[in-house]
Amino acid sequence: MANFNSYQHAGGEPLFTDQQVTLATFFGTPIAGFIVLAINERRLGRPEKFGQTVGLGVVAGVVVLAIALVLPEQFPGLMLSLAYLIGMQQLAHHWQGPRVRVA
């Protein structure tokens, strides 16, 4: 299997970067981004955080859906998408960015 990521931790498995988390969020909503973050948590040797991270992703997905449902019809959907994409990138960078770069 090809290694698409040059960042690895002591265990040897590649870690996903914050850009890859953002890309997963773009194609699969915040839930997908949080799943990628959860995979990193497991690879970093913190399997107890896997379920918490996925659960937080489900909550984030429900919140985004709820916001989308209450926004007026004329509100540009692109703004909501950009908000959660930028938010997810910042979250990934804050939570795991330093570990991904040094690991």
N, C-alpha and C. Protein backbone atom coordinates (compact mmCIF):
# COMPACT_ATOMS: atom_id res chain seq x y z
N MET A 1 0.84 -1.17 0.00
CA MET A 1 0.00 0.00 0.00
C MET A 1 0.88 1.24 0.00
N ALA A 2 0.56 2.21 -0.82
CA ALA A 2 1.36 3.42 -0.93
C ALA A 2 1.22 4.28 0.32
N ASN A 3 2.31 4.91 0.69
CA ASN A 3 2.30 5.80 1.84
C ASN A 3 2.09 7.22 1.35
N PHE A 4 0.90 7.76 1.59
CA PHE A 4 0.56 9.10 1.12
C PHE A 4 0.95 10.17 2.12
N ASN A 5 1.61 9.79 3.19
CA ASN A 5 1.87 10.72 4.27
C ASN A 5 3.29 10.49 4.77
N SER A 6 4.06 11.56 4.86
CA SER A 6 5.43 11.40 5.32
C SER A 6 5.53 11.46 6.84
N TYR A 7 4.45 11.75 7.53
CA TYR A 7 4.47 11.85 8.98
C TYR A 7 4.17 10.51 9.61
N GLN A 8 5.09 10.04 10.44
CA GLN A 8 4.88 8.78 11.13
C GLN A 8 5.28 8.96 12.59
N HIS A 9 4.69 8.17 13.44
CA HIS A 9 5.05 8.22 14.85
C HIS A 9 5.89 7.00 15.16
N ALA A 10 6.22 6.83 16.41
CA ALA A 10 7.12 5.75 16.82
C ALA A 10 6.59 4.38 16.42
N GLY A 11 5.26 4.20 16.39
CA GLY A 11 4.68 2.92 16.01
C GLY A 11 4.85 2.60 14.53
N GLY A 12 5.17 3.57 13.73
CA GLY A 12 5.43 3.36 12.32
C GLY A 12 4.25 3.58 11.40
N GLU A 13 3.03 3.58 11.93
CA GLU A 13 1.88 3.81 11.05
C GLU A 13 1.79 5.29 10.70
N PRO A 14 1.45 5.61 9.46
CA PRO A 14 1.38 7.02 9.06
C PRO A 14 0.22 7.74 9.75
N LEU A 15 0.44 9.00 10.05
CA LEU A 15 -0.58 9.85 10.65
C LEU A 15 -1.16 10.77 9.59
N PHE A 16 -2.42 11.11 9.73
CA PHE A 16 -3.06 12.04 8.81
C PHE A 16 -2.76 13.47 9.24
N THR A 17 -2.46 14.32 8.28
CA THR A 17 -2.19 15.73 8.56
C THR A 17 -3.50 16.50 8.72
N ASP A 18 -3.40 17.73 9.21
CA ASP A 18 -4.60 18.55 9.34
C ASP A 18 -5.22 18.85 7.97
N GLN A 19 -4.41 18.92 6.92
CA GLN A 19 -4.96 19.12 5.58
C GLN A 19 -5.77 17.91 5.13
N GLN A 20 -5.31 16.73 5.48
CA GLN A 20 -6.04 15.52 5.12
C GLN A 20 -7.34 15.40 5.91
N VAL A 21 -7.32 15.86 7.15
CA VAL A 21 -8.55 15.89 7.96
C VAL A 21 -9.55 16.84 7.31
N THR A 22 -9.07 18.00 6.86
CA THR A 22 -9.93 18.98 6.20
C THR A 22 -10.50 18.41 4.91
N LEU A 23 -9.71 17.70 4.15
CA LEU A 23 -10.19 17.09 2.91
C LEU A 23 -11.27 16.04 3.20
N ALA A 24 -11.07 15.25 4.24
CA ALA A 24 -12.09 14.27 4.62
C ALA A 24 -13.38 14.98 5.03
N THR A 25 -13.24 16.10 5.72
CA THR A 25 -14.41 16.89 6.13
C THR A 25 -15.13 17.45 4.90
N PHE A 26 -14.37 17.90 3.92
CA PHE A 26 -14.95 18.46 2.70
C PHE A 26 -15.80 17.42 1.97
N PHE A 27 -15.27 16.21 1.86
CA PHE A 27 -15.99 15.17 1.12
C PHE A 27 -17.02 14.41 1.95
N GLY A 28 -16.88 14.44 3.28
CA GLY A 28 -17.75 13.60 4.07
C GLY A 28 -18.36 14.23 5.30
N THR A 29 -18.46 15.54 5.37
CA THR A 29 -19.01 16.27 6.52
C THR A 29 -18.08 16.18 7.73
N PRO A 30 -18.38 16.89 8.79
CA PRO A 30 -17.51 16.85 9.98
C PRO A 30 -17.34 15.45 10.56
N ILE A 31 -18.30 14.59 10.37
CA ILE A 31 -18.19 13.23 10.91
C ILE A 31 -16.95 12.53 10.32
N ALA A 32 -16.74 12.66 9.03
CA ALA A 32 -15.59 12.03 8.38
C ALA A 32 -14.28 12.62 8.90
N GLY A 33 -14.25 13.93 9.09
CA GLY A 33 -13.04 14.56 9.63
C GLY A 33 -12.72 14.07 11.02
N PHE A 34 -13.75 13.92 11.85
CA PHE A 34 -13.52 13.42 13.20
C PHE A 34 -13.11 11.95 13.20
N ILE A 35 -13.58 11.18 12.24
CA ILE A 35 -13.14 9.78 12.15
C ILE A 35 -11.66 9.72 11.83
N VAL A 36 -11.20 10.59 10.94
CA VAL A 36 -9.77 10.63 10.61
C VAL A 36 -8.96 11.05 11.84
N LEU A 37 -9.47 12.03 12.59
CA LEU A 37 -8.80 12.42 13.83
C LEU A 37 -8.76 11.24 14.82
N ALA A 38 -9.85 10.48 14.88
CA ALA A 38 -9.92 9.33 15.78
C ALA A 38 -8.89 8.26 15.38
N ILE A 39 -8.71 8.07 14.08
CA ILE A 39 -7.70 7.11 13.62
C ILE A 39 -6.32 7.55 14.08
N ASN A 40 -6.05 8.84 13.97
CA ASN A 40 -4.77 9.36 14.47
C ASN A 40 -4.62 9.11 15.96
N GLU A 41 -5.68 9.31 16.72
CA GLU A 41 -5.61 9.08 18.17
C GLU A 41 -5.22 7.63 18.46
N ARG A 42 -5.83 6.71 17.75
CA ARG A 42 -5.50 5.29 17.94
C ARG A 42 -4.05 5.02 17.57
N ARG A 43 -3.61 5.60 16.46
CA ARG A 43 -2.23 5.39 16.02
C ARG A 43 -1.21 6.04 16.96
N LEU A 44 -1.64 7.06 17.67
CA LEU A 44 -0.76 7.72 18.63
C LEU A 44 -0.75 6.99 19.98
N GLY A 45 -1.44 5.86 20.04
CA GLY A 45 -1.43 5.06 21.25
C GLY A 45 -2.44 5.49 22.29
N ARG A 46 -3.50 6.17 21.85
CA ARG A 46 -4.55 6.60 22.77
C ARG A 46 -5.90 6.06 22.30
N PRO A 47 -6.08 4.73 22.33
CA PRO A 47 -7.32 4.15 21.82
C PRO A 47 -8.56 4.57 22.60
N GLU A 48 -8.40 4.97 23.85
CA GLU A 48 -9.56 5.41 24.64
C GLU A 48 -10.18 6.69 24.09
N LYS A 49 -9.41 7.45 23.33
CA LYS A 49 -9.93 8.69 22.74
C LYS A 49 -10.64 8.45 21.41
N PHE A 50 -10.53 7.24 20.86
CA PHE A 50 -11.14 6.94 19.58
C PHE A 50 -12.66 7.14 19.64
N GLY A 51 -13.31 6.49 20.58
CA GLY A 51 -14.76 6.58 20.71
C GLY A 51 -15.23 7.98 21.04
N GLN A 52 -14.49 8.66 21.90
CA GLN A 52 -14.84 10.04 22.25
C GLN A 52 -14.79 10.95 21.03
N THR A 53 -13.76 10.77 20.22
CA THR A 53 -13.59 11.62 19.04
C THR A 53 -14.67 11.35 18.01
N VAL A 54 -15.00 10.08 17.78
CA VAL A 54 -16.07 9.75 16.84
C VAL A 54 -17.40 10.29 17.36
N GLY A 55 -17.66 10.14 18.66
CA GLY A 55 -18.89 10.67 19.26
C GLY A 55 -18.99 12.17 19.10
N LEU A 56 -17.88 12.87 19.29
CA LEU A 56 -17.87 14.31 19.09
C LEU A 56 -18.16 14.66 17.63
N GLY A 57 -17.68 13.82 16.71
CA GLY A 57 -17.97 14.02 15.29
C GLY A 57 -19.44 13.88 14.97
N VAL A 58 -20.09 12.91 15.59
CA VAL A 58 -21.53 12.73 15.37
C VAL A 58 -22.28 13.95 15.90
N VAL A 59 -21.89 14.42 17.08
CA VAL A 59 -22.53 15.63 17.64
C VAL A 59 -22.30 16.82 16.72
N ALA A 60 -21.08 16.98 16.21
CA ALA A 60 -20.78 18.10 15.30
C ALA A 60 -21.61 18.00 14.03
N GLY A 61 -21.77 16.79 13.50
CA GLY A 61 -22.59 16.60 12.30
C GLY A 61 -24.04 16.97 12.54
N VAL A 62 -24.57 16.60 13.70
CA VAL A 62 -25.95 16.93 14.04
C VAL A 62 -26.10 18.45 14.21
N VAL A 63 -25.12 19.09 14.82
CA VAL A 63 -25.17 20.54 15.00
C VAL A 63 -25.15 21.26 13.66
N VAL A 64 -24.28 20.82 12.76
CA VAL A 64 -24.23 21.44 11.42
C VAL A 64 -25.56 21.24 10.70
N LEU A 65 -26.14 20.06 10.80
CA LEU A 65 -27.43 19.80 10.17
C LEU A 65 -28.52 20.69 10.77
N ALA A 66 -28.52 20.82 12.09
CA ALA A 66 -29.52 21.67 12.76
C ALA A 66 -29.37 23.12 12.33
N ILE A 67 -28.15 23.59 12.24
CA ILE A 67 -27.92 24.98 11.79
C ILE A 67 -28.41 25.15 10.37
N ALA A 68 -28.11 24.18 9.51
CA ALA A 68 -28.54 24.26 8.10
C ALA A 68 -30.07 24.30 7.99
N LEU A 69 -30.75 23.59 8.88
CA LEU A 69 -32.21 23.54 8.82
C LEU A 69 -32.87 24.84 9.29
N VAL A 70 -32.21 25.56 10.19
CA VAL A 70 -32.83 26.78 10.71
C VAL A 70 -32.39 28.05 9.97
N LEU A 71 -31.39 27.94 9.12
CA LEU A 71 -30.95 29.11 8.36
C LEU A 71 -31.99 29.47 7.32
N PRO A 72 -32.13 30.75 7.03
CA PRO A 72 -33.07 31.15 5.98
C PRO A 72 -32.66 30.57 4.62
N GLU A 73 -33.64 30.37 3.76
CA GLU A 73 -33.36 29.78 2.44
C GLU A 73 -32.37 30.58 1.62
N GLN A 74 -32.41 31.89 1.76
CA GLN A 74 -31.52 32.73 0.95
C GLN A 74 -30.09 32.80 1.50
N PHE A 75 -29.84 32.19 2.65
CA PHE A 75 -28.49 32.17 3.22
C PHE A 75 -27.60 31.30 2.33
N PRO A 76 -26.43 31.81 1.94
CA PRO A 76 -25.54 31.02 1.07
C PRO A 76 -24.96 29.82 1.80
N GLY A 77 -25.24 28.64 1.30
CA GLY A 77 -24.76 27.41 1.91
C GLY A 77 -23.25 27.30 1.95
N LEU A 78 -22.60 27.99 1.01
CA LEU A 78 -21.14 27.97 0.97
C LEU A 78 -20.54 28.53 2.26
N MET A 79 -21.22 29.51 2.85
CA MET A 79 -20.71 30.11 4.08
C MET A 79 -20.68 29.08 5.22
N LEU A 80 -21.71 28.28 5.34
CA LEU A 80 -21.74 27.25 6.38
C LEU A 80 -20.65 26.21 6.12
N SER A 81 -20.51 25.82 4.87
CA SER A 81 -19.47 24.83 4.53
C SER A 81 -18.08 25.36 4.84
N LEU A 82 -17.82 26.60 4.47
CA LEU A 82 -16.51 27.19 4.76
C LEU A 82 -16.27 27.29 6.26
N ALA A 83 -17.31 27.63 7.01
CA ALA A 83 -17.17 27.76 8.46
C ALA A 83 -16.75 26.43 9.08
N TYR A 84 -17.43 25.32 8.72
CA TYR A 84 -17.04 24.07 9.36
C TYR A 84 -15.75 23.50 8.79
N LEU A 85 -15.40 23.83 7.55
CA LEU A 85 -14.11 23.39 7.01
C LEU A 85 -12.95 24.09 7.72
N ILE A 86 -13.06 25.41 7.85
CA ILE A 86 -12.01 26.16 8.53
C ILE A 86 -11.93 25.75 10.00
N GLY A 87 -13.10 25.59 10.63
CA GLY A 87 -13.12 25.16 12.02
C GLY A 87 -12.47 23.80 12.21
N MET A 88 -12.75 22.89 11.31
CA MET A 88 -12.18 21.54 11.42
C MET A 88 -10.68 21.56 11.21
N GLN A 89 -10.21 22.35 10.26
CA GLN A 89 -8.77 22.44 10.03
C GLN A 89 -8.07 23.00 11.27
N GLN A 90 -8.64 24.04 11.85
CA GLN A 90 -8.04 24.64 13.04
C GLN A 90 -8.06 23.66 14.22
N LEU A 91 -9.16 22.93 14.36
CA LEU A 91 -9.27 21.94 15.43
C LEU A 91 -8.23 20.85 15.26
N ALA A 92 -8.08 20.34 14.05
CA ALA A 92 -7.09 19.29 13.79
C ALA A 92 -5.68 19.80 14.06
N HIS A 93 -5.41 21.03 13.64
CA HIS A 93 -4.08 21.61 13.86
C HIS A 93 -3.82 21.78 15.36
N HIS A 94 -4.82 22.24 16.08
CA HIS A 94 -4.67 22.47 17.52
C HIS A 94 -4.54 21.16 18.29
N TRP A 95 -5.39 20.17 17.97
CA TRP A 95 -5.38 18.90 18.70
C TRP A 95 -4.18 18.04 18.38
N GLN A 96 -3.86 17.90 17.10
CA GLN A 96 -2.86 16.90 16.72
C GLN A 96 -1.72 17.45 15.87
N GLY A 97 -1.82 18.68 15.44
CA GLY A 97 -0.81 19.24 14.56
C GLY A 97 0.62 19.08 15.05
N PRO A 98 0.89 19.51 16.30
CA PRO A 98 2.28 19.36 16.79
C PRO A 98 2.73 17.89 16.87
N ARG A 99 1.84 16.99 17.24
CA ARG A 99 2.20 15.57 17.32
C ARG A 99 2.47 15.00 15.93
N VAL A 100 1.69 15.44 14.96
CA VAL A 100 1.87 14.92 13.60
C VAL A 100 3.20 15.40 13.04
N ARG A 101 3.58 16.63 13.29
CA ARG A 101 4.81 17.18 12.75
C ARG A 101 6.06 16.64 13.43
N VAL A 102 5.97 16.34 14.73
CA VAL A 102 7.14 15.86 15.45
C VAL A 102 7.20 14.34 15.55
N ALA A 103 6.05 13.73 15.42
CA ALA A 103 6.00 12.28 15.66
C ALA A 103 6.78 11.50 14.64
